[in-house]
Amino acid sequence: MKVMAGDRADRYVREMMLPSIAKAVGLEEPSLDAIRERLENPYYCLRAIFGHYAFARRGKDRFDLADLAMRAIDATFTEETMEDFLKKPDAVVFWENYKAICHKRRRKAMEQLNRGVLQGIAELAQEIYREDGVGSIAAWVVDAVEEDGRLEDQFLRMVDVRGVGPKLTSVFLRDMVYLFDLEEQIEPADLLYVQPIDKWLRQVGPYVVEELDGKSADWILAGKLVKYTRRGEVSGIRFNMGVTYFGMREVKDPEKFTAMLANLPEIKRILG
């Protein structure tokens, strides 16, 4: 756990997370402070969500979908007119602009697949604006943790958006908690919401959790990983990021995971 939560977690943040978010929010340098400031702004927060998170699990189409969503943002509102958009009762105009851009570029809008994500996330921002007068989804998450250390309501509300599943939600929540340094403030019962499970976390599971059933649901595995990382006094978020980095950037082929894990020099030194 310590090996994965170490330099690999740093590399995940430095190479895979910060540059992508910085690009989405219009920053030339991926400064942590500057990214935090922009995420608290509802305009840039939506750009971060659509540019980095919303389509991350769509394979080779994810970059095209993110680009189309960004163009739809540009056609719908600016930073200056964002509040006017947030005051609207719904985000239908955002979806209509997305459809028009797709038509112009001779792309299918794929309403069944994309409308829920696009319109639903934008409408969540509008809903939050009606509650707090700001409308930043990131700030909404931060406020929840700082208020009572809980994230369950935020997780359930985001998952309720059609097309936004538990994995995407957990990745977003994990990153916001990391970026705003909130992990130690979260109630232990809610830490599983910031432990997204991908194929690499499933691969590493048996080496961390002795009683693990290979068919365990994601939320059960997430809960057990939270339990064991806390026992080992390791950041569950950094462990999660480090395992994903190891899998995506070093292993690449799931069939090689066990061999490469066993052959890591750091692991060999620990095992003597």
C-alpha atoms as a PDB file:
ATOM      1  CA  MET A   1       0.000   0.000   0.000  1.00  0.00           C
ATOM      2  CA  LYS A   2       2.826   2.380   0.855  1.00  0.00           C
ATOM      3  CA  VAL A   3       4.571   1.651  -2.436  1.00  0.00           C
ATOM      4  CA  MET A   4       1.451   2.498  -4.442  1.00  0.00           C
ATOM      5  CA  ALA A   5       0.601   5.561  -2.316  1.00  0.00           C
ATOM      6  CA  GLY A   6       4.081   7.001  -2.787  1.00  0.00           C
ATOM      7  CA  ASP A   7       5.724   8.303  -5.942  1.00  0.00           C
ATOM      8  CA  ARG A   8       3.138   6.694  -8.228  1.00  0.00           C
ATOM      9  CA  ALA A   9       0.357   8.730  -6.635  1.00  0.00           C
ATOM     10  CA  ASP A  10       2.430  11.874  -7.176  1.00  0.00           C
ATOM     11  CA  ARG A  11       2.956  10.933 -10.802  1.00  0.00           C
ATOM     12  CA  TYR A  12      -0.752  10.280 -11.273  1.00  0.00           C
ATOM     13  CA  VAL A  13      -1.504  13.781 -10.024  1.00  0.00           C
ATOM     14  CA  ARG A  14       1.379  15.416 -11.892  1.00  0.00           C
ATOM     15  CA  GLU A  15       1.046  13.595 -15.218  1.00  0.00           C
ATOM     16  CA  MET A  16      -2.571  12.461 -15.540  1.00  0.00           C
ATOM     17  CA  MET A  17      -4.802  14.740 -13.470  1.00  0.00           C
ATOM     18  CA  LEU A  18      -3.472  18.281 -13.137  1.00  0.00           C
ATOM     19  CA  PRO A  19      -2.435  18.890 -16.783  1.00  0.00           C
ATOM     20  CA  SER A  20      -5.810  17.698 -18.106  1.00  0.00           C
ATOM     21  CA  ILE A  21      -7.834  19.787 -15.639  1.00  0.00           C
ATOM     22  CA  ALA A  22      -5.581  22.796 -16.228  1.00  0.00           C
ATOM     23  CA  LYS A  23      -6.175  22.563 -19.974  1.00  0.00           C
ATOM     24  CA  ALA A  24      -9.948  22.302 -19.490  1.00  0.00           C
ATOM     25  CA  VAL A  25     -10.059  25.416 -17.291  1.00  0.00           C
ATOM     26  CA  GLY A  26      -7.737  27.453 -19.505  1.00  0.00           C
ATOM     27  CA  LEU A  27      -4.556  27.445 -17.430  1.00  0.00           C
ATOM     28  CA  GLU A  28      -1.152  27.246 -19.114  1.00  0.00           C
ATOM     29  CA  GLU A  29       0.542  26.015 -15.941  1.00  0.00           C
ATOM     30  CA  PRO A  30      -1.121  23.273 -13.825  1.00  0.00           C
ATOM     31  CA  SER A  31      -0.714  25.138 -10.529  1.00  0.00           C
ATOM     32  CA  LEU A  32      -2.632  23.528  -7.665  1.00  0.00           C
ATOM     33  CA  ASP A  33      -3.715  26.869  -6.182  1.00  0.00           C
ATOM     34  CA  ALA A  34      -4.865  28.206  -9.549  1.00  0.00           C
ATOM     35  CA  ILE A  35      -6.832  25.027 -10.275  1.00  0.00           C
ATOM     36  CA  ARG A  36      -8.549  25.199  -6.890  1.00  0.00           C
ATOM     37  CA  GLU A  37      -9.520  28.813  -7.532  1.00  0.00           C
ATOM     38  CA  ARG A  38     -10.991  27.982 -10.927  1.00  0.00           C
ATOM     39  CA  LEU A  39     -12.901  24.947  -9.675  1.00  0.00           C
ATOM     40  CA  GLU A  40     -14.683  27.173  -7.157  1.00  0.00           C
ATOM     41  CA  ASN A  41     -15.958  29.213 -10.110  1.00  0.00           C
ATOM     42  CA  PRO A  42     -19.082  27.538 -11.613  1.00  0.00           C
ATOM     43  CA  TYR A  43     -18.062  28.375 -15.190  1.00  0.00           C
ATOM     44  CA  TYR A  44     -14.637  26.770 -14.947  1.00  0.00           C
ATOM     45  CA  CYS A  45     -15.947  23.924 -12.824  1.00  0.00           C
ATOM     46  CA  LEU A  46     -18.290  22.845 -15.627  1.00  0.00           C
ATOM     47  CA  ARG A  47     -15.432  23.127 -18.103  1.00  0.00           C
ATOM     48  CA  ALA A  48     -13.328  20.848 -15.875  1.00  0.00           C
ATOM     49  CA  ILE A  49     -16.126  18.299 -15.551  1.00  0.00           C
ATOM     50  CA  PHE A  50     -16.895  18.146 -19.278  1.00  0.00           C
ATOM     51  CA  GLY A  51     -13.266  18.451 -20.358  1.00  0.00           C
ATOM     52  CA  HIS A  52     -11.711  15.916 -17.967  1.00  0.00           C
ATOM     53  CA  TYR A  53     -14.344  13.730 -16.279  1.00  0.00           C
ATOM     54  CA  ALA A  54     -17.674  13.330 -18.065  1.00  0.00           C
ATOM     55  CA  PHE A  55     -16.444  11.294 -21.042  1.00  0.00           C
ATOM     56  CA  ALA A  56     -13.333   9.681 -19.559  1.00  0.00           C
ATOM     57  CA  ARG A  57     -14.811   6.185 -19.858  1.00  0.00           C
ATOM     58  CA  ARG A  58     -15.857   6.537 -23.520  1.00  0.00           C
ATOM     59  CA  GLY A  59     -12.698   5.062 -25.008  1.00  0.00           C
ATOM     60  CA  LYS A  60     -11.265   6.588 -28.159  1.00  0.00           C
ATOM     61  CA  ASP A  61     -14.247   8.958 -28.571  1.00  0.00           C
ATOM     62  CA  ARG A  62     -13.666  10.699 -25.238  1.00  0.00           C
ATOM     63  CA  PHE A  63     -11.546  13.535 -26.649  1.00  0.00           C
ATOM     64  CA  ASP A  64     -14.010  14.312 -29.454  1.00  0.00           C
ATOM     65  CA  LEU A  65     -16.938  14.263 -27.012  1.00  0.00           C
ATOM     66  CA  ALA A  66     -15.119  16.559 -24.601  1.00  0.00           C
ATOM     67  CA  ASP A  67     -14.309  18.949 -27.451  1.00  0.00           C
ATOM     68  CA  LEU A  68     -17.951  19.034 -28.583  1.00  0.00           C
ATOM     69  CA  ALA A  69     -19.082  19.708 -25.007  1.00  0.00           C
ATOM     70  CA  MET A  70     -16.604  22.574 -24.685  1.00  0.00           C
ATOM     71  CA  ARG A  71     -17.890  24.086 -27.911  1.00  0.00           C
ATOM     72  CA  ALA A  72     -21.439  23.780 -26.564  1.00  0.00           C
ATOM     73  CA  ILE A  73     -20.337  25.656 -23.431  1.00  0.00           C
ATOM     74  CA  ASP A  74     -18.854  28.425 -25.580  1.00  0.00           C
ATOM     75  CA  ALA A  75     -22.116  28.647 -27.518  1.00  0.00           C
ATOM     76  CA  THR A  76     -24.269  28.767 -24.368  1.00  0.00           C
ATOM     77  CA  PHE A  77     -22.540  30.987 -21.812  1.00  0.00           C
ATOM     78  CA  THR A  78     -19.328  32.772 -20.869  1.00  0.00           C
ATOM     79  CA  GLU A  79     -17.809  33.387 -17.468  1.00  0.00           C
ATOM     80  CA  GLU A  80     -19.587  36.743 -17.454  1.00  0.00           C
ATOM     81  CA  THR A  81     -23.012  35.350 -18.444  1.00  0.00           C
ATOM     82  CA  MET A  82     -22.754  32.189 -16.335  1.00  0.00           C
ATOM     83  CA  GLU A  83     -25.053  33.494 -13.616  1.00  0.00           C
ATOM     84  CA  ASP A  84     -27.806  34.160 -16.163  1.00  0.00           C
ATOM     85  CA  PHE A  85     -27.550  30.538 -17.281  1.00  0.00           C
ATOM     86  CA  LEU A  86     -27.579  29.249 -13.705  1.00  0.00           C
ATOM     87  CA  LYS A  87     -30.795  31.179 -13.049  1.00  0.00           C
ATOM     88  CA  LYS A  88     -32.606  29.295 -15.814  1.00  0.00           C
ATOM     89  CA  PRO A  89     -35.057  26.542 -14.778  1.00  0.00           C
ATOM     90  CA  ASP A  90     -33.284  23.916 -16.902  1.00  0.00           C
ATOM     91  CA  ALA A  91     -30.371  23.383 -19.274  1.00  0.00           C
ATOM     92  CA  VAL A  92     -32.295  22.493 -22.439  1.00  0.00           C
ATOM     93  CA  VAL A  93     -30.548  25.320 -24.327  1.00  0.00           C
ATOM     94  CA  PHE A  94     -27.186  23.701 -23.572  1.00  0.00           C
ATOM     95  CA  TRP A  95     -28.305  20.403 -25.082  1.00  0.00           C
ATOM     96  CA  GLU A  96     -29.805  22.172 -28.110  1.00  0.00           C
ATOM     97  CA  ASN A  97     -26.516  23.976 -28.731  1.00  0.00           C
ATOM     98  CA  TYR A  98     -24.657  20.672 -28.432  1.00  0.00           C
ATOM     99  CA  LYS A  99     -26.980  19.131 -31.029  1.00  0.00           C
ATOM    100  CA  ALA A 100     -26.471  22.094 -33.377  1.00  0.00           C
ATOM    101  CA  ILE A 101     -22.692  21.798 -33.105  1.00  0.00           C
ATOM    102  CA  CYS A 102     -22.863  18.063 -33.794  1.00  0.00           C
ATOM    103  CA  HIS A 103     -25.041  18.712 -36.853  1.00  0.00           C
ATOM    104  CA  LYS A 104     -22.635  21.349 -38.137  1.00  0.00           C
ATOM    105  CA  ARG A 105     -19.713  18.951 -37.741  1.00  0.00           C
ATOM    106  CA  ARG A 106     -21.683  16.041 -39.220  1.00  0.00           C
ATOM    107  CA  ARG A 107     -21.589  14.093 -35.996  1.00  0.00           C
ATOM    108  CA  LYS A 108     -24.478  12.223 -34.401  1.00  0.00           C
ATOM    109  CA  ALA A 109     -25.585  13.861 -31.163  1.00  0.00           C
ATOM    110  CA  MET A 110     -26.596  10.420 -29.785  1.00  0.00           C
ATOM    111  CA  GLU A 111     -29.303  11.755 -27.488  1.00  0.00           C
ATOM    112  CA  GLN A 112     -29.843   8.487 -25.604  1.00  0.00           C
ATOM    113  CA  LEU A 113     -26.199   8.348 -24.628  1.00  0.00           C
ATOM    114  CA  ASN A 114     -25.216  11.986 -24.208  1.00  0.00           C
ATOM    115  CA  ARG A 115     -28.206  14.145 -23.283  1.00  0.00           C
ATOM    116  CA  GLY A 116     -28.449  12.872 -19.707  1.00  0.00           C
ATOM    117  CA  VAL A 117     -24.807  13.597 -18.959  1.00  0.00           C
ATOM    118  CA  LEU A 118     -24.683  17.010 -20.636  1.00  0.00           C
ATOM    119  CA  GLN A 119     -28.005  18.432 -19.568  1.00  0.00           C
ATOM    120  CA  GLY A 120     -28.043  16.625 -16.218  1.00  0.00           C
ATOM    121  CA  ILE A 121     -24.681  17.918 -15.001  1.00  0.00           C
ATOM    122  CA  ALA A 122     -25.511  21.461 -16.129  1.00  0.00           C
ATOM    123  CA  GLU A 123     -28.845  21.239 -14.316  1.00  0.00           C
ATOM    124  CA  LEU A 124     -27.082  20.028 -11.184  1.00  0.00           C
ATOM    125  CA  ALA A 125     -25.044  23.240 -11.276  1.00  0.00           C
ATOM    126  CA  GLN A 126     -28.299  25.199 -11.613  1.00  0.00           C
ATOM    127  CA  GLU A 127     -29.782  23.306  -8.668  1.00  0.00           C
ATOM    128  CA  ILE A 128     -26.730  24.043  -6.534  1.00  0.00           C
ATOM    129  CA  TYR A 129     -26.922  27.713  -7.528  1.00  0.00           C
ATOM    130  CA  ARG A 130     -30.484  27.860  -6.225  1.00  0.00           C
ATOM    131  CA  GLU A 131     -29.191  26.523  -2.905  1.00  0.00           C
ATOM    132  CA  ASP A 132     -25.968  28.475  -2.406  1.00  0.00           C
ATOM    133  CA  GLY A 133     -26.002  31.327  -4.940  1.00  0.00           C
ATOM    134  CA  VAL A 134     -22.714  30.096  -6.471  1.00  0.00           C
ATOM    135  CA  GLY A 135     -23.318  26.947  -8.515  1.00  0.00           C
ATOM    136  CA  SER A 136     -19.885  25.315  -8.448  1.00  0.00           C
ATOM    137  CA  ILE A 137     -20.209  21.530  -8.171  1.00  0.00           C
ATOM    138  CA  ALA A 138     -16.670  21.335  -6.758  1.00  0.00           C
ATOM    139  CA  ALA A 139     -17.418  23.946  -4.078  1.00  0.00           C
ATOM    140  CA  TRP A 140     -20.630  22.059  -3.236  1.00  0.00           C
ATOM    141  CA  VAL A 141     -18.531  18.949  -2.509  1.00  0.00           C
ATOM    142  CA  VAL A 142     -15.992  20.916  -0.470  1.00  0.00           C
ATOM    143  CA  ASP A 143     -18.720  22.629   1.566  1.00  0.00           C
ATOM    144  CA  ALA A 144     -20.343  19.274   2.379  1.00  0.00           C
ATOM    145  CA  VAL A 145     -17.117  17.819   3.755  1.00  0.00           C
ATOM    146  CA  GLU A 146     -16.251  20.933   5.701  1.00  0.00           C
ATOM    147  CA  GLU A 147     -19.757  21.082   7.194  1.00  0.00           C
ATOM    148  CA  ASP A 148     -20.079  17.563   8.582  1.00  0.00           C
ATOM    149  CA  GLY A 149     -17.525  15.281   6.934  1.00  0.00           C
ATOM    150  CA  ARG A 150     -20.175  13.506   4.873  1.00  0.00           C
ATOM    151  CA  LEU A 151     -20.344  12.846   1.117  1.00  0.00           C
ATOM    152  CA  GLU A 152     -23.187  10.368   0.754  1.00  0.00           C
ATOM    153  CA  ASP A 153     -25.763  12.942  -0.386  1.00  0.00           C
ATOM    154  CA  GLN A 154     -23.395  14.367  -2.990  1.00  0.00           C
ATOM    155  CA  PHE A 155     -22.542  10.892  -4.281  1.00  0.00           C
ATOM    156  CA  LEU A 156     -26.195   9.845  -4.568  1.00  0.00           C
ATOM    157  CA  ARG A 157     -27.221  13.113  -6.244  1.00  0.00           C
ATOM    158  CA  MET A 158     -24.498  12.851  -8.881  1.00  0.00           C
ATOM    159  CA  VAL A 159     -25.199   9.178  -9.572  1.00  0.00           C
ATOM    160  CA  ASP A 160     -28.841  10.165 -10.060  1.00  0.00           C
ATOM    161  CA  VAL A 161     -27.837  12.092 -13.198  1.00  0.00           C
ATOM    162  CA  ARG A 162     -28.571   9.840 -16.161  1.00  0.00           C
ATOM    163  CA  GLY A 163     -25.301   8.636 -17.668  1.00  0.00           C
ATOM    164  CA  VAL A 164     -23.191   9.516 -14.631  1.00  0.00           C
ATOM    165  CA  GLY A 165     -22.354   6.249 -12.919  1.00  0.00           C
ATOM    166  CA  PRO A 166     -20.748   5.445  -9.566  1.00  0.00           C
ATOM    167  CA  LYS A 167     -17.238   5.201 -11.033  1.00  0.00           C
ATOM    168  CA  LEU A 168     -17.269   8.608 -12.680  1.00  0.00           C
ATOM    169  CA  THR A 169     -18.792  10.129  -9.535  1.00  0.00           C
ATOM    170  CA  SER A 170     -16.222   8.524  -7.249  1.00  0.00           C
ATOM    171  CA  VAL A 171     -13.324   9.670  -9.440  1.00  0.00           C
ATOM    172  CA  PHE A 172     -14.634  13.244  -9.366  1.00  0.00           C
ATOM    173  CA  LEU A 173     -15.232  13.177  -5.603  1.00  0.00           C
ATOM    174  CA  ARG A 174     -11.823  11.583  -4.982  1.00  0.00           C
ATOM    175  CA  ASP A 175     -10.051  14.274  -6.990  1.00  0.00           C
ATOM    176  CA  MET A 176     -11.936  17.158  -5.369  1.00  0.00           C
ATOM    177  CA  VAL A 177     -11.163  15.781  -1.909  1.00  0.00           C
ATOM    178  CA  TYR A 178      -7.503  15.416  -2.865  1.00  0.00           C
ATOM    179  CA  LEU A 179      -7.202  18.845  -4.496  1.00  0.00           C
ATOM    180  CA  PHE A 180      -8.739  20.612  -1.504  1.00  0.00           C
ATOM    181  CA  ASP A 181      -6.903  18.412   1.045  1.00  0.00           C
ATOM    182  CA  LEU A 182     -10.050  17.119   2.759  1.00  0.00           C
ATOM    183  CA  GLU A 183      -9.442  13.375   3.139  1.00  0.00           C
ATOM    184  CA  GLU A 184      -8.810  13.476   6.889  1.00  0.00           C
ATOM    185  CA  GLN A 185     -12.045  15.420   7.440  1.00  0.00           C
ATOM    186  CA  ILE A 186     -14.286  12.741   5.887  1.00  0.00           C
ATOM    187  CA  GLU A 187     -16.201  10.424   8.172  1.00  0.00           C
ATOM    188  CA  PRO A 188     -14.811   6.855   7.803  1.00  0.00           C
ATOM    189  CA  ALA A 189     -18.218   5.543   6.670  1.00  0.00           C
ATOM    190  CA  ASP A 190     -18.136   7.857   3.645  1.00  0.00           C
ATOM    191  CA  LEU A 191     -14.559   7.189   2.516  1.00  0.00           C
ATOM    192  CA  LEU A 192     -15.740   4.433   0.165  1.00  0.00           C
ATOM    193  CA  TYR A 193     -17.268   7.184  -2.022  1.00  0.00           C
ATOM    194  CA  VAL A 194     -13.778   8.466  -2.845  1.00  0.00           C
ATOM    195  CA  GLN A 195     -12.432   4.991  -3.688  1.00  0.00           C
ATOM    196  CA  PRO A 196     -13.332   4.391  -7.370  1.00  0.00           C
ATOM    197  CA  ILE A 197     -12.812   0.786  -8.437  1.00  0.00           C
ATOM    198  CA  ASP A 198     -11.278   0.130 -11.840  1.00  0.00           C
ATOM    199  CA  LYS A 199      -9.750  -3.054 -13.264  1.00  0.00           C
ATOM    200  CA  TRP A 200      -6.401  -2.272 -11.642  1.00  0.00           C
ATOM    201  CA  LEU A 201      -7.899  -1.881  -8.168  1.00  0.00           C
ATOM    202  CA  ARG A 202      -9.646  -5.229  -8.677  1.00  0.00           C
ATOM    203  CA  GLN A 203      -6.311  -6.795  -9.608  1.00  0.00           C
ATOM    204  CA  VAL A 204      -4.543  -5.460  -6.521  1.00  0.00           C
ATOM    205  CA  GLY A 205      -7.436  -6.283  -4.173  1.00  0.00           C
ATOM    206  CA  PRO A 206      -6.388  -9.855  -3.230  1.00  0.00           C
ATOM    207  CA  TYR A 207      -2.923  -8.623  -2.211  1.00  0.00           C
ATOM    208  CA  VAL A 208      -4.456  -6.153   0.244  1.00  0.00           C
ATOM    209  CA  VAL A 209      -7.614  -7.878   1.486  1.00  0.00           C
ATOM    210  CA  GLU A 210      -7.158 -11.485   2.618  1.00  0.00           C
ATOM    211  CA  GLU A 211     -10.834 -12.433   2.765  1.00  0.00           C
ATOM    212  CA  LEU A 212     -11.671 -10.876  -0.599  1.00  0.00           C
ATOM    213  CA  ASP A 213     -14.170 -12.655  -2.815  1.00  0.00           C
ATOM    214  CA  GLY A 214     -13.236 -12.160  -6.453  1.00  0.00           C
ATOM    215  CA  LYS A 215     -16.872 -11.491  -7.287  1.00  0.00           C
ATOM    216  CA  SER A 216     -17.377  -8.805  -4.635  1.00  0.00           C
ATOM    217  CA  ALA A 217     -19.346  -5.739  -5.724  1.00  0.00           C
ATOM    218  CA  ASP A 218     -17.369  -2.538  -6.272  1.00  0.00           C
ATOM    219  CA  TRP A 219     -18.744  -0.894  -3.128  1.00  0.00           C
ATOM    220  CA  ILE A 220     -17.710  -3.877  -0.999  1.00  0.00           C
ATOM    221  CA  LEU A 221     -14.172  -3.847  -2.404  1.00  0.00           C
ATOM    222  CA  ALA A 222     -14.030  -0.063  -1.935  1.00  0.00           C
ATOM    223  CA  GLY A 223     -15.085  -0.415   1.691  1.00  0.00           C
ATOM    224  CA  LYS A 224     -12.471  -3.093   2.380  1.00  0.00           C
ATOM    225  CA  LEU A 225      -9.697  -1.083   0.736  1.00  0.00           C
ATOM    226  CA  VAL A 226     -10.681   1.899   2.877  1.00  0.00           C
ATOM    227  CA  LYS A 227     -10.548  -0.296   5.984  1.00  0.00           C
ATOM    228  CA  TYR A 228      -7.107  -1.720   5.220  1.00  0.00           C
ATOM    229  CA  THR A 229      -5.497   1.535   4.082  1.00  0.00           C
ATOM    230  CA  ARG A 230      -6.700   3.192   7.296  1.00  0.00           C
ATOM    231  CA  ARG A 231      -5.241   0.321   9.342  1.00  0.00           C
ATOM    232  CA  GLY A 232      -1.968   0.727   7.495  1.00  0.00           C
ATOM    233  CA  GLU A 233      -2.040   4.496   8.053  1.00  0.00           C
ATOM    234  CA  VAL A 234      -1.911   5.075   4.305  1.00  0.00           C
ATOM    235  CA  SER A 235      -3.982   7.604   2.374  1.00  0.00           C
ATOM    236  CA  GLY A 236      -6.728   5.635   0.631  1.00  0.00           C
ATOM    237  CA  ILE A 237      -6.917   8.294  -2.073  1.00  0.00           C
ATOM    238  CA  ARG A 238      -3.188   8.219  -2.807  1.00  0.00           C
ATOM    239  CA  PHE A 239      -3.238   4.408  -2.810  1.00  0.00           C
ATOM    240  CA  ASN A 240      -6.120   4.468  -5.309  1.00  0.00           C
ATOM    241  CA  MET A 241      -4.355   6.914  -7.609  1.00  0.00           C
ATOM    242  CA  GLY A 242      -1.068   5.050  -7.379  1.00  0.00           C
ATOM    243  CA  VAL A 243      -2.592   1.701  -8.325  1.00  0.00           C
ATOM    244  CA  THR A 244      -4.338   3.266 -11.318  1.00  0.00           C
ATOM    245  CA  TYR A 245      -1.073   4.897 -12.412  1.00  0.00           C
ATOM    246  CA  PHE A 246       0.811   1.614 -12.029  1.00  0.00           C
ATOM    247  CA  GLY A 247      -1.788  -0.215 -14.102  1.00  0.00           C
ATOM    248  CA  MET A 248      -2.263   2.354 -16.861  1.00  0.00           C
ATOM    249  CA  ARG A 249       1.296   3.598 -17.307  1.00  0.00           C
ATOM    250  CA  GLU A 250       3.463   0.649 -16.274  1.00  0.00           C
ATOM    251  CA  VAL A 251       1.534  -2.630 -16.562  1.00  0.00           C
ATOM    252  CA  LYS A 252      -0.868  -1.762 -19.423  1.00  0.00           C
ATOM    253  CA  ASP A 253      -1.781  -5.433 -19.941  1.00  0.00           C
ATOM    254  CA  PRO A 254      -3.927  -6.844 -17.076  1.00  0.00           C
ATOM    255  CA  GLU A 255      -2.464 -10.304 -17.610  1.00  0.00           C
ATOM    256  CA  LYS A 256       0.970  -8.983 -16.633  1.00  0.00           C
ATOM    257  CA  PHE A 257      -0.216  -7.296 -13.425  1.00  0.00           C
ATOM    258  CA  THR A 258       0.734 -10.034 -10.938  1.00  0.00           C
ATOM    259  CA  ALA A 259       4.192 -10.620 -12.400  1.00  0.00           C
ATOM    260  CA  MET A 260       5.032  -6.935 -12.590  1.00  0.00           C
ATOM    261  CA  LEU A 261       3.753  -6.314  -9.069  1.00  0.00           C
ATOM    262  CA  ALA A 262       5.902  -9.140  -7.685  1.00  0.00           C
ATOM    263  CA  ASN A 263       8.960  -7.882  -9.567  1.00  0.00           C
ATOM    264  CA  LEU A 264       8.815  -4.287  -8.351  1.00  0.00           C
ATOM    265  CA  PRO A 265      12.170  -3.516  -6.683  1.00  0.00           C
ATOM    266  CA  GLU A 266      10.373  -1.709  -3.858  1.00  0.00           C
ATOM    267  CA  ILE A 267       8.227  -4.786  -3.136  1.00  0.00           C
ATOM    268  CA  LYS A 268      11.254  -7.092  -3.239  1.00  0.00           C
ATOM    269  CA  ARG A 269      13.075  -4.908  -0.720  1.00  0.00           C
ATOM    270  CA  ILE A 270      10.068  -4.962   1.639  1.00  0.00           C
ATOM    271  CA  LEU A 271       9.747  -8.744   1.369  1.00  0.00           C
ATOM    272  CA  GLY A 272      13.464  -9.202   1.915  1.00  0.00           C
END
